[in-house]
Amino acid sequence: MKAEIGSKSDQSSDAQFRSFWRFDPLEAKRLLTRFEEADIRFQISPESIIRPMGAGTQFRRYNSVEIFIHEENEQKTRRILGEELRV
């Protein structure tokens, strides 16, 4: 997932963003699309971790996207997440 997905993010230094959660990239893309439609300001931080499996001779890559939500949009964001969980 590329950082461009955060096109609605606010890059100003005085904005207060809080970590919302880490999501699988596909789940994050779906949520961020909903956030853009609801005009929610966000920032993202993609992360990839490589961890050993079993005896340590094989490795697996885990990808996630941490989503940061502007403090003014926290309740609206939680409402959207609640709707997503009911589906």
N, C-alpha and C. Protein backbone atom coordinates (compact mmCIF):
# COMPACT_ATOMS: atom_id res chain seq x y z
N MET A 1 0.85 -1.17 0.00
CA MET A 1 0.00 0.00 0.00
C MET A 1 0.90 1.23 0.00
N LYS A 2 0.54 2.19 -0.79
CA LYS A 2 1.36 3.40 -0.90
C LYS A 2 0.81 4.52 -0.02
N ALA A 3 1.67 5.43 0.34
CA ALA A 3 1.28 6.53 1.22
C ALA A 3 0.25 7.45 0.59
N GLU A 4 0.12 7.43 -0.74
CA GLU A 4 -0.84 8.31 -1.41
C GLU A 4 -2.27 8.07 -0.93
N ILE A 5 -2.53 6.91 -0.37
CA ILE A 5 -3.89 6.62 0.09
C ILE A 5 -4.33 7.61 1.16
N GLY A 6 -3.39 8.26 1.80
CA GLY A 6 -3.71 9.24 2.82
C GLY A 6 -3.91 10.63 2.25
N SER A 7 -4.53 10.72 1.09
CA SER A 7 -4.66 12.00 0.42
C SER A 7 -5.45 13.03 1.22
N LYS A 8 -6.29 12.60 2.13
CA LYS A 8 -7.05 13.53 2.96
C LYS A 8 -6.31 13.89 4.24
N SER A 9 -5.07 13.46 4.37
CA SER A 9 -4.34 13.72 5.60
C SER A 9 -3.97 15.19 5.71
N ASP A 10 -3.83 15.65 6.91
CA ASP A 10 -3.46 17.02 7.21
C ASP A 10 -2.00 17.01 7.64
N GLN A 11 -1.14 17.65 6.86
CA GLN A 11 0.28 17.62 7.14
C GLN A 11 0.74 18.79 8.03
N SER A 12 -0.17 19.62 8.49
CA SER A 12 0.23 20.76 9.31
C SER A 12 0.77 20.29 10.66
N SER A 13 1.74 21.04 11.18
CA SER A 13 2.41 20.63 12.42
C SER A 13 1.52 20.79 13.65
N ASP A 14 0.48 21.63 13.57
CA ASP A 14 -0.35 21.85 14.76
C ASP A 14 -1.52 20.86 14.85
N ALA A 15 -1.69 20.02 13.85
CA ALA A 15 -2.79 19.04 13.89
C ALA A 15 -2.47 17.94 14.88
N GLN A 16 -3.49 17.49 15.59
CA GLN A 16 -3.33 16.43 16.59
C GLN A 16 -3.90 15.12 16.06
N PHE A 17 -3.03 14.20 15.72
CA PHE A 17 -3.43 12.89 15.23
C PHE A 17 -3.11 11.85 16.29
N ARG A 18 -4.02 10.89 16.43
CA ARG A 18 -3.83 9.80 17.39
C ARG A 18 -3.90 8.47 16.67
N SER A 19 -3.09 7.53 17.13
CA SER A 19 -3.10 6.20 16.53
C SER A 19 -4.47 5.57 16.74
N PHE A 20 -5.06 5.11 15.67
CA PHE A 20 -6.37 4.49 15.74
C PHE A 20 -6.24 2.97 15.88
N TRP A 21 -5.38 2.37 15.07
CA TRP A 21 -5.13 0.93 15.14
C TRP A 21 -4.25 0.53 13.97
N ARG A 22 -3.78 -0.71 14.01
CA ARG A 22 -3.06 -1.30 12.87
C ARG A 22 -4.00 -2.26 12.16
N PHE A 23 -4.00 -2.17 10.83
CA PHE A 23 -4.89 -3.00 10.03
C PHE A 23 -4.12 -3.71 8.94
N ASP A 24 -4.67 -4.81 8.48
CA ASP A 24 -4.20 -5.48 7.29
C ASP A 24 -4.34 -4.47 6.13
N PRO A 25 -3.40 -4.47 5.17
CA PRO A 25 -3.48 -3.46 4.09
C PRO A 25 -4.81 -3.43 3.34
N LEU A 26 -5.41 -4.57 3.06
CA LEU A 26 -6.69 -4.57 2.34
C LEU A 26 -7.80 -3.98 3.19
N GLU A 27 -7.81 -4.31 4.47
CA GLU A 27 -8.81 -3.75 5.39
C GLU A 27 -8.60 -2.24 5.53
N ALA A 28 -7.34 -1.83 5.63
CA ALA A 28 -7.04 -0.40 5.76
C ALA A 28 -7.51 0.36 4.53
N LYS A 29 -7.29 -0.19 3.36
CA LYS A 29 -7.71 0.49 2.13
C LYS A 29 -9.23 0.70 2.12
N ARG A 30 -9.96 -0.33 2.52
CA ARG A 30 -11.43 -0.23 2.57
C ARG A 30 -11.88 0.83 3.57
N LEU A 31 -11.26 0.82 4.77
CA LEU A 31 -11.62 1.81 5.79
C LEU A 31 -11.26 3.22 5.36
N LEU A 32 -10.08 3.38 4.78
CA LEU A 32 -9.65 4.71 4.37
C LEU A 32 -10.53 5.29 3.27
N THR A 33 -11.04 4.44 2.42
CA THR A 33 -12.00 4.89 1.41
C THR A 33 -13.24 5.46 2.09
N ARG A 34 -13.73 4.75 3.11
CA ARG A 34 -14.89 5.25 3.88
C ARG A 34 -14.56 6.55 4.59
N PHE A 35 -13.34 6.65 5.15
CA PHE A 35 -12.93 7.87 5.86
C PHE A 35 -12.88 9.05 4.89
N GLU A 36 -12.37 8.83 3.68
CA GLU A 36 -12.34 9.90 2.68
C GLU A 36 -13.74 10.35 2.32
N GLU A 37 -14.66 9.40 2.15
CA GLU A 37 -16.05 9.74 1.83
C GLU A 37 -16.70 10.55 2.95
N ALA A 38 -16.31 10.28 4.21
CA ALA A 38 -16.87 10.98 5.37
C ALA A 38 -16.07 12.24 5.71
N ASP A 39 -15.08 12.58 4.89
CA ASP A 39 -14.24 13.76 5.09
C ASP A 39 -13.52 13.72 6.44
N ILE A 40 -13.00 12.55 6.79
CA ILE A 40 -12.23 12.37 8.02
C ILE A 40 -10.75 12.56 7.69
N ARG A 41 -10.09 13.38 8.49
CA ARG A 41 -8.65 13.60 8.28
C ARG A 41 -7.86 12.47 8.92
N PHE A 42 -6.89 11.96 8.17
CA PHE A 42 -6.08 10.86 8.67
C PHE A 42 -4.68 10.90 8.10
N GLN A 43 -3.81 10.14 8.72
CA GLN A 43 -2.46 9.89 8.23
C GLN A 43 -2.23 8.40 8.36
N ILE A 44 -1.31 7.86 7.56
CA ILE A 44 -1.03 6.44 7.65
C ILE A 44 0.47 6.20 7.77
N SER A 45 0.80 5.02 8.28
CA SER A 45 2.18 4.59 8.38
C SER A 45 2.23 3.11 8.02
N PRO A 46 2.59 2.79 6.75
CA PRO A 46 2.71 1.38 6.37
C PRO A 46 3.91 0.75 7.07
N GLU A 47 3.79 -0.53 7.41
CA GLU A 47 4.88 -1.22 8.09
C GLU A 47 4.97 -2.65 7.58
N SER A 48 6.19 -3.12 7.45
CA SER A 48 6.42 -4.50 7.05
C SER A 48 7.42 -5.11 8.02
N ILE A 49 7.06 -6.24 8.62
CA ILE A 49 7.92 -6.91 9.59
C ILE A 49 8.22 -8.31 9.07
N ILE A 50 9.47 -8.70 9.16
CA ILE A 50 9.86 -10.06 8.78
C ILE A 50 10.16 -10.82 10.06
N ARG A 51 9.45 -11.95 10.25
CA ARG A 51 9.62 -12.74 11.47
C ARG A 51 9.98 -14.17 11.11
N PRO A 52 10.82 -14.79 11.94
CA PRO A 52 11.16 -16.20 11.69
C PRO A 52 9.97 -17.10 11.99
N MET A 53 9.90 -18.19 11.24
CA MET A 53 8.86 -19.19 11.46
C MET A 53 9.53 -20.48 11.92
N GLY A 54 8.88 -21.21 12.78
CA GLY A 54 9.39 -22.51 13.20
C GLY A 54 10.77 -22.43 13.82
N ALA A 55 11.70 -23.20 13.27
CA ALA A 55 13.06 -23.28 13.82
C ALA A 55 13.92 -22.09 13.40
N GLY A 56 13.36 -21.15 12.70
CA GLY A 56 14.11 -19.96 12.30
C GLY A 56 14.80 -20.08 10.96
N THR A 57 14.50 -21.14 10.22
CA THR A 57 15.11 -21.30 8.90
C THR A 57 14.25 -20.70 7.80
N GLN A 58 13.01 -20.40 8.11
CA GLN A 58 12.11 -19.76 7.16
C GLN A 58 11.58 -18.48 7.78
N PHE A 59 11.24 -17.53 6.91
CA PHE A 59 10.76 -16.23 7.38
C PHE A 59 9.46 -15.88 6.70
N ARG A 60 8.66 -15.07 7.37
CA ARG A 60 7.39 -14.62 6.83
C ARG A 60 7.29 -13.11 6.99
N ARG A 61 6.78 -12.46 5.98
CA ARG A 61 6.59 -11.01 6.01
C ARG A 61 5.16 -10.69 6.43
N TYR A 62 5.02 -9.82 7.41
CA TYR A 62 3.72 -9.35 7.88
C TYR A 62 3.60 -7.87 7.52
N ASN A 63 2.57 -7.54 6.77
CA ASN A 63 2.34 -6.14 6.39
C ASN A 63 1.16 -5.59 7.18
N SER A 64 1.28 -4.36 7.59
CA SER A 64 0.18 -3.69 8.27
C SER A 64 0.23 -2.20 7.96
N VAL A 65 -0.86 -1.54 8.24
CA VAL A 65 -0.95 -0.09 8.05
C VAL A 65 -1.51 0.49 9.34
N GLU A 66 -0.73 1.37 9.96
CA GLU A 66 -1.23 2.05 11.15
C GLU A 66 -1.95 3.31 10.68
N ILE A 67 -3.16 3.51 11.19
CA ILE A 67 -3.97 4.67 10.81
C ILE A 67 -4.01 5.63 11.98
N PHE A 68 -3.73 6.90 11.69
CA PHE A 68 -3.79 7.97 12.68
C PHE A 68 -4.96 8.87 12.30
N ILE A 69 -5.84 9.13 13.26
CA ILE A 69 -7.04 9.93 13.04
C ILE A 69 -6.91 11.26 13.77
N HIS A 70 -7.35 12.33 13.11
CA HIS A 70 -7.35 13.64 13.75
C HIS A 70 -8.32 13.60 14.93
N GLU A 71 -7.92 14.20 16.04
CA GLU A 71 -8.73 14.12 17.26
C GLU A 71 -10.15 14.63 17.08
N GLU A 72 -10.38 15.56 16.17
CA GLU A 72 -11.73 16.08 15.94
C GLU A 72 -12.64 15.05 15.28
N ASN A 73 -12.06 14.03 14.67
CA ASN A 73 -12.84 13.03 13.93
C ASN A 73 -12.96 11.69 14.65
N GLU A 74 -12.56 11.60 15.91
CA GLU A 74 -12.54 10.31 16.60
C GLU A 74 -13.92 9.67 16.69
N GLN A 75 -14.93 10.41 17.09
CA GLN A 75 -16.27 9.81 17.26
C GLN A 75 -16.84 9.36 15.92
N LYS A 76 -16.67 10.17 14.89
CA LYS A 76 -17.15 9.81 13.56
C LYS A 76 -16.45 8.54 13.07
N THR A 77 -15.15 8.45 13.36
CA THR A 77 -14.37 7.28 12.96
C THR A 77 -14.85 6.03 13.68
N ARG A 78 -15.09 6.13 14.97
CA ARG A 78 -15.57 4.98 15.74
C ARG A 78 -16.95 4.52 15.27
N ARG A 79 -17.78 5.47 14.85
CA ARG A 79 -19.10 5.13 14.33
C ARG A 79 -18.97 4.33 13.02
N ILE A 80 -18.06 4.76 12.16
CA ILE A 80 -17.83 4.04 10.90
C ILE A 80 -17.28 2.65 11.18
N LEU A 81 -16.35 2.53 12.11
CA LEU A 81 -15.79 1.23 12.44
C LEU A 81 -16.87 0.32 13.01
N GLY A 82 -17.75 0.86 13.84
CA GLY A 82 -18.86 0.08 14.38
C GLY A 82 -19.76 -0.45 13.29
N GLU A 83 -20.03 0.37 12.27
CA GLU A 83 -20.84 -0.07 11.12
C GLU A 83 -20.12 -1.19 10.37
N GLU A 84 -18.81 -1.07 10.22
CA GLU A 84 -18.03 -2.08 9.52
C GLU A 84 -18.05 -3.41 10.27
N LEU A 85 -18.01 -3.35 11.59
CA LEU A 85 -17.99 -4.58 12.39
C LEU A 85 -19.32 -5.30 12.36
N ARG A 86 -20.42 -4.56 12.17
CA ARG A 86 -21.75 -5.18 12.11
C ARG A 86 -22.00 -5.90 10.79
N VAL A 87 -21.28 -5.48 9.76
CA VAL A 87 -21.49 -6.06 8.41
C VAL A 87 -21.00 -7.48 8.35
